Amino acid sequence: MKRKATLHLVALTGLIALSGVAAEARGKDPAAMFEALDADKNGSVTVAELEAHAAARFAAADANNDGFLTPEEMQAARAARMIESGSIRAAKMLELFDTDGNGALDAAELEAASKGRKDRRGARMMEHLDANADGKLDLAEVNARRNQSDMVARLDTDKDGALSADEFAKAHGKLRRGE
């Protein structure tokens, strides 16, 4: 039973985190998460949609467009997602971290906002994913530990090659219940 829960956790972590669910869908509502992933709005999520979403999220985090993510870019992207998702109020973030007082947070200010626990999280992620130990991640390294085709195959109960909203919600529910 514990192994099954771990597989669900790994699968949904890949689905949610690396497939790039939009910030507004990062809450606990599986329907909103599913809608963000279903790019063609046909009621199912395919491997291609998961891969496209992952690539788009990677590109959005790659601030200097060099094809790699540094720990600083990962931290800044996470801080930006937190603001967008409403988990931290934007006004409070501005009050605390807008050091130049211009009413906006630049990359350096966002990086400062993400220090501490998030630094350790980013370092652990870099340690686990940085296959060539160059201190940055490319899209292949990010995706190497999560095979989206395998994930879809495991969660696709009707074996049609895509996840329906119901399949997605059931998998999400199992994760939340720790199954």
Foldseek 3Di string as FASTA:
>chain_A
DLVVLVLLVQLVCCQDPQLAQALQQNDLDLVSSQVSQPVVPPQWHALVSSLVNNVVLQCVLPVVNPQKAALLSVQLSVLVSCCVNVVDPPVVLCVVQVVVPPSDADSVSSSVVRPDPNSVVSVVVCVVQVPVPPRIGGSCSSCVVPDNQVSQCVQVPVPPRTGGSVSSVVSSVCNVVSD
